Amino acid sequence: MTSRAPALLIFAATVAMSGAPGADPLPTGAAREPLEMSAEHLELDVEAKTALLTGSVKLTKGPLTVECPRVEVRYDQVPHVTWAKGSGGVVAEVKGVRAEAPEVELDLPGQALSLRGGVRLTRGEGWITADQATIQIATGKVSMVGVKGSIPVGPLPGTKSPP
């Protein structure tokens, strides 16, 4: 166990109750699921209610997984994590959609993931690039700005596929 382990335990207790109290927009209760985190290093400022995780950071909340080198976190007095920002090259996955971007912002009360700085979304064989994208964690719905992409098309009804 490293010398940062006590700080990590305090932060883990802080994170254990992540999500907005009384606000559960998801019928499955996923909004109240804890935000699970792992990282090589943690810097915790209890008074400022902030934390910095660095080195192979991984965040998981319900169907959402985010991996990147660095994550800044803010939490309230309860404590609930209210906001997180990942940077340094982000890979996020939610409901079969894989997103890659330089930067991500996670709004936990709003259950939204915002990617910026040149985004690439893939699902199956299809891909879309965008200047920015927002993914609603509860539904997997995506909205994007500045879009280009390729979406595979199956054979038309009544036609044969090429051999």
N, C-alpha and C. Protein backbone atom coordinates (compact mmCIF):
# COMPACT_ATOMS: atom_id res chain seq x y z
N MET A 1 0.85 -1.18 0.00
CA MET A 1 0.00 0.00 0.00
C MET A 1 0.89 1.24 0.00
N THR A 2 0.55 2.22 -0.83
CA THR A 2 1.39 3.42 -0.96
C THR A 2 1.08 4.41 0.16
N SER A 3 1.91 5.47 0.24
CA SER A 3 1.70 6.51 1.25
C SER A 3 0.44 7.31 0.96
N ARG A 4 -0.10 7.22 -0.25
CA ARG A 4 -1.32 7.94 -0.60
C ARG A 4 -2.57 7.14 -0.25
N ALA A 5 -2.41 5.94 0.23
CA ALA A 5 -3.56 5.09 0.52
C ALA A 5 -4.55 5.73 1.49
N PRO A 6 -4.13 6.38 2.61
CA PRO A 6 -5.13 7.00 3.47
C PRO A 6 -5.94 8.08 2.74
N ALA A 7 -5.31 8.88 1.91
CA ALA A 7 -6.04 9.89 1.15
C ALA A 7 -7.01 9.23 0.20
N LEU A 8 -6.59 8.13 -0.43
CA LEU A 8 -7.46 7.42 -1.35
C LEU A 8 -8.67 6.85 -0.62
N LEU A 9 -8.48 6.35 0.59
CA LEU A 9 -9.60 5.83 1.37
C LEU A 9 -10.58 6.95 1.72
N ILE A 10 -10.08 8.12 2.09
CA ILE A 10 -10.95 9.26 2.39
C ILE A 10 -11.72 9.64 1.13
N PHE A 11 -11.00 9.68 0.00
CA PHE A 11 -11.66 10.05 -1.25
C PHE A 11 -12.68 8.98 -1.66
N ALA A 12 -12.36 7.71 -1.44
CA ALA A 12 -13.30 6.64 -1.78
C ALA A 12 -14.59 6.80 -0.99
N ALA A 13 -14.48 7.18 0.27
CA ALA A 13 -15.68 7.42 1.07
C ALA A 13 -16.46 8.61 0.52
N THR A 14 -15.74 9.62 0.04
CA THR A 14 -16.37 10.78 -0.57
C THR A 14 -17.15 10.38 -1.81
N VAL A 15 -16.56 9.53 -2.63
CA VAL A 15 -17.15 9.14 -3.89
C VAL A 15 -18.29 8.13 -3.71
N ALA A 16 -18.28 7.39 -2.64
CA ALA A 16 -19.23 6.30 -2.47
C ALA A 16 -20.68 6.74 -2.56
N MET A 17 -20.95 7.99 -2.31
CA MET A 17 -22.31 8.47 -2.34
C MET A 17 -22.55 9.41 -3.52
N SER A 18 -21.82 9.21 -4.61
CA SER A 18 -21.93 10.08 -5.78
C SER A 18 -23.33 10.05 -6.36
N GLY A 19 -23.68 11.17 -7.00
CA GLY A 19 -25.00 11.31 -7.62
C GLY A 19 -25.80 12.31 -6.83
N ALA A 20 -26.74 12.93 -7.46
CA ALA A 20 -27.54 13.95 -6.80
C ALA A 20 -28.59 13.31 -5.91
N PRO A 21 -28.68 13.68 -4.62
CA PRO A 21 -29.63 13.06 -3.73
C PRO A 21 -31.06 13.39 -4.16
N GLY A 22 -31.92 12.36 -4.15
CA GLY A 22 -33.32 12.57 -4.47
C GLY A 22 -33.58 12.75 -5.96
N ALA A 23 -32.55 12.86 -6.78
CA ALA A 23 -32.75 13.05 -8.21
C ALA A 23 -32.34 11.77 -8.91
N ASP A 24 -33.30 10.99 -9.34
CA ASP A 24 -33.01 9.75 -10.04
C ASP A 24 -33.79 9.72 -11.33
N PRO A 25 -33.26 10.38 -12.39
CA PRO A 25 -33.99 10.41 -13.64
C PRO A 25 -34.01 9.06 -14.34
N LEU A 26 -33.21 8.12 -13.91
CA LEU A 26 -33.14 6.84 -14.57
C LEU A 26 -34.04 5.83 -13.87
N PRO A 27 -34.91 5.15 -14.60
CA PRO A 27 -35.80 4.21 -13.97
C PRO A 27 -35.08 3.05 -13.31
N THR A 28 -33.86 2.74 -13.75
CA THR A 28 -33.13 1.62 -13.19
C THR A 28 -32.38 1.97 -11.92
N GLY A 29 -32.32 3.24 -11.55
CA GLY A 29 -31.58 3.66 -10.36
C GLY A 29 -30.11 3.90 -10.64
N ALA A 30 -29.70 3.89 -11.91
CA ALA A 30 -28.28 4.06 -12.25
C ALA A 30 -27.74 5.41 -11.81
N ALA A 31 -28.59 6.43 -11.69
CA ALA A 31 -28.12 7.75 -11.27
C ALA A 31 -27.55 7.69 -9.86
N ARG A 32 -28.00 6.77 -9.06
CA ARG A 32 -27.52 6.66 -7.69
C ARG A 32 -26.36 5.69 -7.53
N GLU A 33 -25.97 5.07 -8.61
CA GLU A 33 -24.82 4.18 -8.52
C GLU A 33 -23.59 5.00 -8.20
N PRO A 34 -22.67 4.44 -7.41
CA PRO A 34 -21.46 5.19 -7.09
C PRO A 34 -20.57 5.40 -8.32
N LEU A 35 -19.76 6.42 -8.25
CA LEU A 35 -18.75 6.66 -9.26
C LEU A 35 -17.50 5.93 -8.77
N GLU A 36 -17.16 4.85 -9.44
CA GLU A 36 -15.99 4.08 -9.04
C GLU A 36 -14.77 4.63 -9.76
N MET A 37 -13.65 4.74 -9.04
CA MET A 37 -12.44 5.34 -9.60
C MET A 37 -11.22 4.52 -9.27
N SER A 38 -10.26 4.56 -10.18
CA SER A 38 -8.94 4.01 -9.88
C SER A 38 -7.92 4.88 -10.59
N ALA A 39 -6.74 5.00 -10.00
CA ALA A 39 -5.66 5.82 -10.55
C ALA A 39 -4.36 5.46 -9.85
N GLU A 40 -3.25 5.84 -10.45
CA GLU A 40 -1.96 5.61 -9.82
C GLU A 40 -1.70 6.60 -8.69
N HIS A 41 -2.19 7.85 -8.83
CA HIS A 41 -1.93 8.89 -7.83
C HIS A 41 -3.19 9.69 -7.55
N LEU A 42 -3.27 10.20 -6.32
CA LEU A 42 -4.39 11.04 -5.92
C LEU A 42 -3.87 12.20 -5.09
N GLU A 43 -4.35 13.40 -5.42
CA GLU A 43 -4.12 14.59 -4.59
C GLU A 43 -5.49 15.07 -4.17
N LEU A 44 -5.73 15.13 -2.87
CA LEU A 44 -7.03 15.47 -2.34
C LEU A 44 -6.94 16.75 -1.53
N ASP A 45 -7.83 17.71 -1.80
CA ASP A 45 -7.91 18.94 -1.03
C ASP A 45 -9.29 18.96 -0.37
N VAL A 46 -9.36 18.51 0.88
CA VAL A 46 -10.62 18.36 1.58
C VAL A 46 -11.31 19.71 1.75
N GLU A 47 -10.55 20.75 2.08
CA GLU A 47 -11.14 22.07 2.28
C GLU A 47 -11.73 22.65 0.99
N ALA A 48 -11.02 22.49 -0.11
CA ALA A 48 -11.50 23.01 -1.39
C ALA A 48 -12.52 22.08 -2.06
N LYS A 49 -12.67 20.87 -1.52
CA LYS A 49 -13.58 19.86 -2.06
C LYS A 49 -13.22 19.51 -3.50
N THR A 50 -11.92 19.27 -3.73
CA THR A 50 -11.43 18.89 -5.05
C THR A 50 -10.46 17.73 -4.92
N ALA A 51 -10.27 17.07 -6.03
CA ALA A 51 -9.29 15.98 -6.08
C ALA A 51 -8.71 15.94 -7.49
N LEU A 52 -7.49 15.45 -7.59
CA LEU A 52 -6.82 15.27 -8.87
C LEU A 52 -6.31 13.83 -8.91
N LEU A 53 -6.78 13.08 -9.88
CA LEU A 53 -6.32 11.72 -10.09
C LEU A 53 -5.45 11.70 -11.33
N THR A 54 -4.29 11.04 -11.25
CA THR A 54 -3.39 10.97 -12.40
C THR A 54 -2.85 9.57 -12.56
N GLY A 55 -2.48 9.25 -13.78
CA GLY A 55 -1.88 7.96 -14.08
C GLY A 55 -2.90 6.85 -14.25
N SER A 56 -3.17 6.47 -15.48
CA SER A 56 -4.10 5.37 -15.79
C SER A 56 -5.42 5.50 -15.03
N VAL A 57 -6.06 6.64 -15.14
CA VAL A 57 -7.30 6.90 -14.43
C VAL A 57 -8.45 6.17 -15.13
N LYS A 58 -9.30 5.55 -14.33
CA LYS A 58 -10.49 4.88 -14.85
C LYS A 58 -11.67 5.25 -13.96
N LEU A 59 -12.74 5.76 -14.58
CA LEU A 59 -13.98 6.08 -13.89
C LEU A 59 -15.07 5.18 -14.44
N THR A 60 -15.93 4.65 -13.56
CA THR A 60 -17.06 3.83 -13.98
C THR A 60 -18.28 4.26 -13.20
N LYS A 61 -19.38 4.48 -13.92
CA LYS A 61 -20.66 4.81 -13.29
C LYS A 61 -21.75 4.17 -14.12
N GLY A 62 -22.35 3.11 -13.59
CA GLY A 62 -23.37 2.39 -14.34
C GLY A 62 -22.80 1.92 -15.66
N PRO A 63 -23.47 2.27 -16.78
CA PRO A 63 -23.02 1.80 -18.10
C PRO A 63 -21.83 2.59 -18.67
N LEU A 64 -21.38 3.62 -17.96
CA LEU A 64 -20.34 4.51 -18.46
C LEU A 64 -18.96 4.13 -17.92
N THR A 65 -17.97 4.10 -18.82
CA THR A 65 -16.57 3.93 -18.44
C THR A 65 -15.76 5.01 -19.12
N VAL A 66 -14.88 5.69 -18.37
CA VAL A 66 -14.00 6.71 -18.91
C VAL A 66 -12.58 6.38 -18.48
N GLU A 67 -11.65 6.40 -19.45
CA GLU A 67 -10.24 6.16 -19.15
C GLU A 67 -9.41 7.29 -19.75
N CYS A 68 -8.47 7.82 -18.96
CA CYS A 68 -7.58 8.89 -19.43
C CYS A 68 -6.43 9.05 -18.42
N PRO A 69 -5.42 9.87 -18.76
CA PRO A 69 -4.29 10.05 -17.86
C PRO A 69 -4.56 10.94 -16.65
N ARG A 70 -5.55 11.85 -16.75
CA ARG A 70 -5.74 12.84 -15.68
C ARG A 70 -7.22 13.19 -15.52
N VAL A 71 -7.70 13.24 -14.26
CA VAL A 71 -9.08 13.64 -13.99
C VAL A 71 -9.11 14.57 -12.80
N GLU A 72 -9.74 15.74 -13.01
CA GLU A 72 -10.02 16.67 -11.91
C GLU A 72 -11.45 16.41 -11.45
N VAL A 73 -11.66 16.44 -10.13
CA VAL A 73 -12.98 16.14 -9.56
C VAL A 73 -13.38 17.23 -8.57
N ARG A 74 -14.67 17.56 -8.57
CA ARG A 74 -15.24 18.45 -7.54
C ARG A 74 -16.38 17.70 -6.86
N TYR A 75 -16.52 17.93 -5.57
CA TYR A 75 -17.61 17.30 -4.84
C TYR A 75 -18.19 18.29 -3.85
N ASP A 76 -19.41 17.99 -3.35
CA ASP A 76 -20.07 18.90 -2.42
C ASP A 76 -19.83 18.45 -0.98
N GLN A 77 -20.52 19.09 -0.04
CA GLN A 77 -20.28 18.82 1.38
C GLN A 77 -20.87 17.50 1.87
N VAL A 78 -21.73 16.85 1.10
CA VAL A 78 -22.43 15.65 1.58
C VAL A 78 -21.53 14.44 1.83
N PRO A 79 -20.64 13.99 1.10
CA PRO A 79 -20.07 14.44 -0.16
C PRO A 79 -20.62 13.64 -1.35
N HIS A 80 -20.97 14.33 -2.41
CA HIS A 80 -21.33 13.75 -3.70
C HIS A 80 -20.41 14.34 -4.75
N VAL A 81 -19.89 13.52 -5.63
CA VAL A 81 -19.12 14.03 -6.76
C VAL A 81 -20.12 14.71 -7.68
N THR A 82 -19.83 15.96 -8.04
CA THR A 82 -20.75 16.72 -8.87
C THR A 82 -20.20 16.97 -10.28
N TRP A 83 -18.89 16.92 -10.44
CA TRP A 83 -18.28 17.26 -11.71
C TRP A 83 -16.92 16.59 -11.82
N ALA A 84 -16.57 16.18 -13.03
CA ALA A 84 -15.25 15.63 -13.28
C ALA A 84 -14.82 16.04 -14.69
N LYS A 85 -13.52 16.30 -14.85
CA LYS A 85 -12.97 16.66 -16.16
C LYS A 85 -11.75 15.80 -16.42
N GLY A 86 -11.80 15.06 -17.51
CA GLY A 86 -10.69 14.21 -17.90
C GLY A 86 -9.93 14.84 -19.05
N SER A 87 -8.62 14.65 -19.07
CA SER A 87 -7.80 15.22 -20.15
C SER A 87 -6.61 14.33 -20.44
N GLY A 88 -5.94 14.66 -21.55
CA GLY A 88 -4.74 13.93 -21.92
C GLY A 88 -4.99 12.79 -22.88
N GLY A 89 -6.18 12.76 -23.50
CA GLY A 89 -6.56 11.66 -24.39
C GLY A 89 -7.54 10.76 -23.67
N VAL A 90 -8.80 10.89 -24.01
CA VAL A 90 -9.88 10.22 -23.29
C VAL A 90 -10.52 9.15 -24.16
N VAL A 91 -10.83 8.02 -23.55
CA VAL A 91 -11.65 6.99 -24.19
C VAL A 91 -12.83 6.75 -23.26
N ALA A 92 -14.04 6.93 -23.79
CA ALA A 92 -15.26 6.72 -23.02
C ALA A 92 -16.14 5.71 -23.74
N GLU A 93 -16.82 4.86 -22.98
CA GLU A 93 -17.75 3.91 -23.57
C GLU A 93 -19.04 3.93 -22.77
N VAL A 94 -20.16 4.00 -23.51
CA VAL A 94 -21.48 3.93 -22.88
C VAL A 94 -22.45 3.30 -23.87
N LYS A 95 -23.12 2.25 -23.44
CA LYS A 95 -24.16 1.58 -24.22
C LYS A 95 -23.73 1.26 -25.65
N GLY A 96 -22.53 0.71 -25.82
CA GLY A 96 -22.06 0.30 -27.13
C GLY A 96 -21.44 1.39 -27.97
N VAL A 97 -21.41 2.62 -27.48
CA VAL A 97 -20.80 3.72 -28.21
C VAL A 97 -19.42 3.98 -27.60
N ARG A 98 -18.40 3.99 -28.44
CA ARG A 98 -17.03 4.29 -27.99
C ARG A 98 -16.70 5.68 -28.48
N ALA A 99 -16.23 6.52 -27.57
CA ALA A 99 -15.88 7.89 -27.90
C ALA A 99 -14.42 8.15 -27.53
N GLU A 100 -13.71 8.83 -28.43
CA GLU A 100 -12.33 9.23 -28.18
C GLU A 100 -12.23 10.72 -28.40
N ALA A 101 -11.54 11.42 -27.48
CA ALA A 101 -11.38 12.87 -27.58
C ALA A 101 -10.22 13.30 -26.68
N PRO A 102 -9.68 14.50 -26.92
CA PRO A 102 -8.64 15.01 -26.04
C PRO A 102 -9.14 15.33 -24.64
N GLU A 103 -10.43 15.70 -24.51
CA GLU A 103 -10.95 16.19 -23.24
C GLU A 103 -12.40 15.77 -23.05
N VAL A 104 -12.77 15.50 -21.80
CA VAL A 104 -14.15 15.13 -21.48
C VAL A 104 -14.58 15.83 -20.19
N GLU A 105 -15.83 16.22 -20.13
CA GLU A 105 -16.39 16.80 -18.91
C GLU A 105 -17.62 15.97 -18.55
N LEU A 106 -17.69 15.56 -17.29
CA LEU A 106 -18.77 14.71 -16.81
C LEU A 106 -19.62 15.49 -15.81
N ASP A 107 -20.89 15.72 -16.18
CA ASP A 107 -21.85 16.39 -15.31
C ASP A 107 -22.70 15.30 -14.67
N LEU A 108 -22.40 14.94 -13.43
CA LEU A 108 -23.10 13.84 -12.78
C LEU A 108 -24.55 14.15 -12.45
N PRO A 109 -24.89 15.32 -11.88
CA PRO A 109 -26.31 15.58 -11.65
C PRO A 109 -27.12 15.60 -12.94
N GLY A 110 -26.54 16.10 -14.02
CA GLY A 110 -27.22 16.15 -15.31
C GLY A 110 -27.11 14.86 -16.11
N GLN A 111 -26.29 13.91 -15.63
CA GLN A 111 -26.08 12.62 -16.29
C GLN A 111 -25.65 12.79 -17.75
N ALA A 112 -24.68 13.71 -17.99
CA ALA A 112 -24.21 13.98 -19.35
C ALA A 112 -22.69 13.94 -19.42
N LEU A 113 -22.19 13.48 -20.56
CA LEU A 113 -20.77 13.39 -20.85
C LEU A 113 -20.51 14.27 -22.06
N SER A 114 -19.68 15.32 -21.92
CA SER A 114 -19.37 16.23 -23.02
C SER A 114 -17.93 16.05 -23.45
N LEU A 115 -17.72 15.75 -24.72
CA LEU A 115 -16.39 15.55 -25.28
C LEU A 115 -16.06 16.71 -26.20
N ARG A 116 -14.80 17.18 -26.13
CA ARG A 116 -14.39 18.34 -26.92
C ARG A 116 -12.99 18.15 -27.50
N GLY A 117 -12.70 18.98 -28.50
CA GLY A 117 -11.34 19.02 -29.04
C GLY A 117 -11.11 18.09 -30.20
N GLY A 118 -12.16 17.64 -30.87
CA GLY A 118 -12.03 16.66 -31.95
C GLY A 118 -12.43 15.31 -31.41
N VAL A 119 -13.62 14.87 -31.75
CA VAL A 119 -14.21 13.67 -31.18
C VAL A 119 -14.38 12.62 -32.27
N ARG A 120 -14.16 11.39 -31.92
CA ARG A 120 -14.43 10.26 -32.83
C ARG A 120 -15.32 9.28 -32.08
N LEU A 121 -16.51 9.04 -32.64
CA LEU A 121 -17.44 8.08 -32.08
C LEU A 121 -17.51 6.87 -32.99
N THR A 122 -17.50 5.67 -32.41
CA THR A 122 -17.64 4.45 -33.21
C THR A 122 -18.66 3.54 -32.54
N ARG A 123 -19.37 2.82 -33.39
CA ARG A 123 -20.27 1.78 -32.93
C ARG A 123 -20.34 0.77 -34.07
N GLY A 124 -19.92 -0.44 -33.80
CA GLY A 124 -19.86 -1.44 -34.87
C GLY A 124 -18.89 -0.97 -35.93
N GLU A 125 -19.32 -1.03 -37.19
CA GLU A 125 -18.48 -0.61 -38.30
C GLU A 125 -18.62 0.86 -38.62
N GLY A 126 -19.57 1.55 -38.01
CA GLY A 126 -19.80 2.95 -38.30
C GLY A 126 -18.92 3.86 -37.45
N TRP A 127 -18.65 5.04 -37.99
CA TRP A 127 -17.86 6.03 -37.25
C TRP A 127 -18.33 7.43 -37.62
N ILE A 128 -18.16 8.33 -36.68
CA ILE A 128 -18.50 9.73 -36.88
C ILE A 128 -17.44 10.56 -36.17
N THR A 129 -16.98 11.62 -36.83
CA THR A 129 -16.10 12.58 -36.16
C THR A 129 -16.89 13.87 -35.98
N ALA A 130 -16.52 14.62 -34.95
CA ALA A 130 -17.22 15.88 -34.66
C ALA A 130 -16.29 16.79 -33.89
N ASP A 131 -16.61 18.09 -33.93
CA ASP A 131 -15.85 19.04 -33.12
C ASP A 131 -16.11 18.80 -31.64
N GLN A 132 -17.38 18.51 -31.32
CA GLN A 132 -17.75 18.21 -29.94
C GLN A 132 -18.97 17.30 -29.95
N ALA A 133 -19.16 16.57 -28.84
CA ALA A 133 -20.29 15.65 -28.72
C ALA A 133 -20.74 15.59 -27.27
N THR A 134 -22.03 15.37 -27.08
CA THR A 134 -22.59 15.17 -25.75
C THR A 134 -23.34 13.85 -25.75
N ILE A 135 -23.05 13.01 -24.76
CA ILE A 135 -23.72 11.72 -24.63
C ILE A 135 -24.53 11.74 -23.34
N GLN A 136 -25.82 11.45 -23.44
CA GLN A 136 -26.68 11.32 -22.26
C GLN A 136 -26.47 9.92 -21.70
N ILE A 137 -25.96 9.83 -20.48
CA ILE A 137 -25.59 8.55 -19.89
C ILE A 137 -26.80 7.63 -19.75
N ALA A 138 -27.93 8.17 -19.36
CA ALA A 138 -29.13 7.36 -19.11
C ALA A 138 -29.63 6.67 -20.36
N THR A 139 -29.59 7.35 -21.48
CA THR A 139 -30.21 6.83 -22.69
C THR A 139 -29.21 6.43 -23.77
N GLY A 140 -27.98 6.93 -23.70
CA GLY A 140 -27.00 6.69 -24.75
C GLY A 140 -27.22 7.60 -25.95
N LYS A 141 -28.14 8.56 -25.85
CA LYS A 141 -28.38 9.49 -26.96
C LYS A 141 -27.20 10.43 -27.11
N VAL A 142 -26.86 10.74 -28.36
CA VAL A 142 -25.69 11.54 -28.67
C VAL A 142 -26.10 12.75 -29.50
N SER A 143 -25.58 13.93 -29.17
CA SER A 143 -25.74 15.10 -30.03
C SER A 143 -24.34 15.63 -30.34
N MET A 144 -24.14 16.08 -31.62
CA MET A 144 -22.81 16.46 -32.07
C MET A 144 -22.84 17.74 -32.89
N VAL A 145 -21.68 18.41 -32.97
CA VAL A 145 -21.51 19.63 -33.76
C VAL A 145 -20.31 19.42 -34.68
N GLY A 146 -20.44 19.84 -35.95
CA GLY A 146 -19.33 19.71 -36.90
C GLY A 146 -19.09 18.26 -37.26
N VAL A 147 -20.05 17.60 -37.87
CA VAL A 147 -20.07 16.14 -38.04
C VAL A 147 -19.63 15.69 -39.43
N LYS A 148 -18.85 14.59 -39.49
CA LYS A 148 -18.51 13.84 -40.69
C LYS A 148 -18.52 12.38 -40.28
N GLY A 149 -18.82 11.47 -41.22
CA GLY A 149 -18.78 10.08 -40.82
C GLY A 149 -19.10 9.10 -41.91
N SER A 150 -19.17 7.84 -41.49
CA SER A 150 -19.47 6.73 -42.37
C SER A 150 -20.33 5.75 -41.59
N ILE A 151 -21.52 5.49 -42.13
CA ILE A 151 -22.42 4.56 -41.47
C ILE A 151 -22.74 3.46 -42.48
N PRO A 152 -22.45 2.18 -42.16
CA PRO A 152 -22.70 1.11 -43.11
C PRO A 152 -24.19 0.98 -43.43
N VAL A 153 -24.46 0.58 -44.67
CA VAL A 153 -25.83 0.37 -45.12
C VAL A 153 -25.95 -1.08 -45.56
N GLY A 154 -26.98 -1.76 -45.09
CA GLY A 154 -27.22 -3.14 -45.47
C GLY A 154 -27.84 -3.21 -46.85
N PRO A 155 -28.05 -4.42 -47.36
CA PRO A 155 -28.68 -4.56 -48.67
C PRO A 155 -30.11 -4.05 -48.64
N LEU A 156 -30.56 -3.52 -49.75
CA LEU A 156 -31.93 -3.03 -49.87
C LEU A 156 -32.88 -4.23 -49.87
N PRO A 157 -34.07 -4.06 -49.33
CA PRO A 157 -35.03 -5.16 -49.33
C PRO A 157 -35.28 -5.66 -50.76
N GLY A 158 -35.28 -6.97 -50.93
CA GLY A 158 -35.54 -7.56 -52.23
C GLY A 158 -34.32 -7.66 -53.12
N THR A 159 -33.13 -7.24 -52.64
CA THR A 159 -31.91 -7.36 -53.43
C THR A 159 -31.00 -8.39 -52.79
N LYS A 160 -30.13 -8.96 -53.62
CA LYS A 160 -29.18 -9.94 -53.11
C LYS A 160 -27.88 -9.24 -52.73
N SER A 161 -27.24 -9.74 -51.70
CA SER A 161 -25.92 -9.25 -51.31
C SER A 161 -24.91 -9.78 -52.30
N PRO A 162 -23.85 -9.01 -52.61
CA PRO A 162 -22.82 -9.52 -53.51
C PRO A 162 -22.13 -10.74 -52.89
N PRO A 163 -21.72 -11.70 -53.73
CA PRO A 163 -21.08 -12.93 -53.21
C PRO A 163 -19.77 -12.68 -52.56
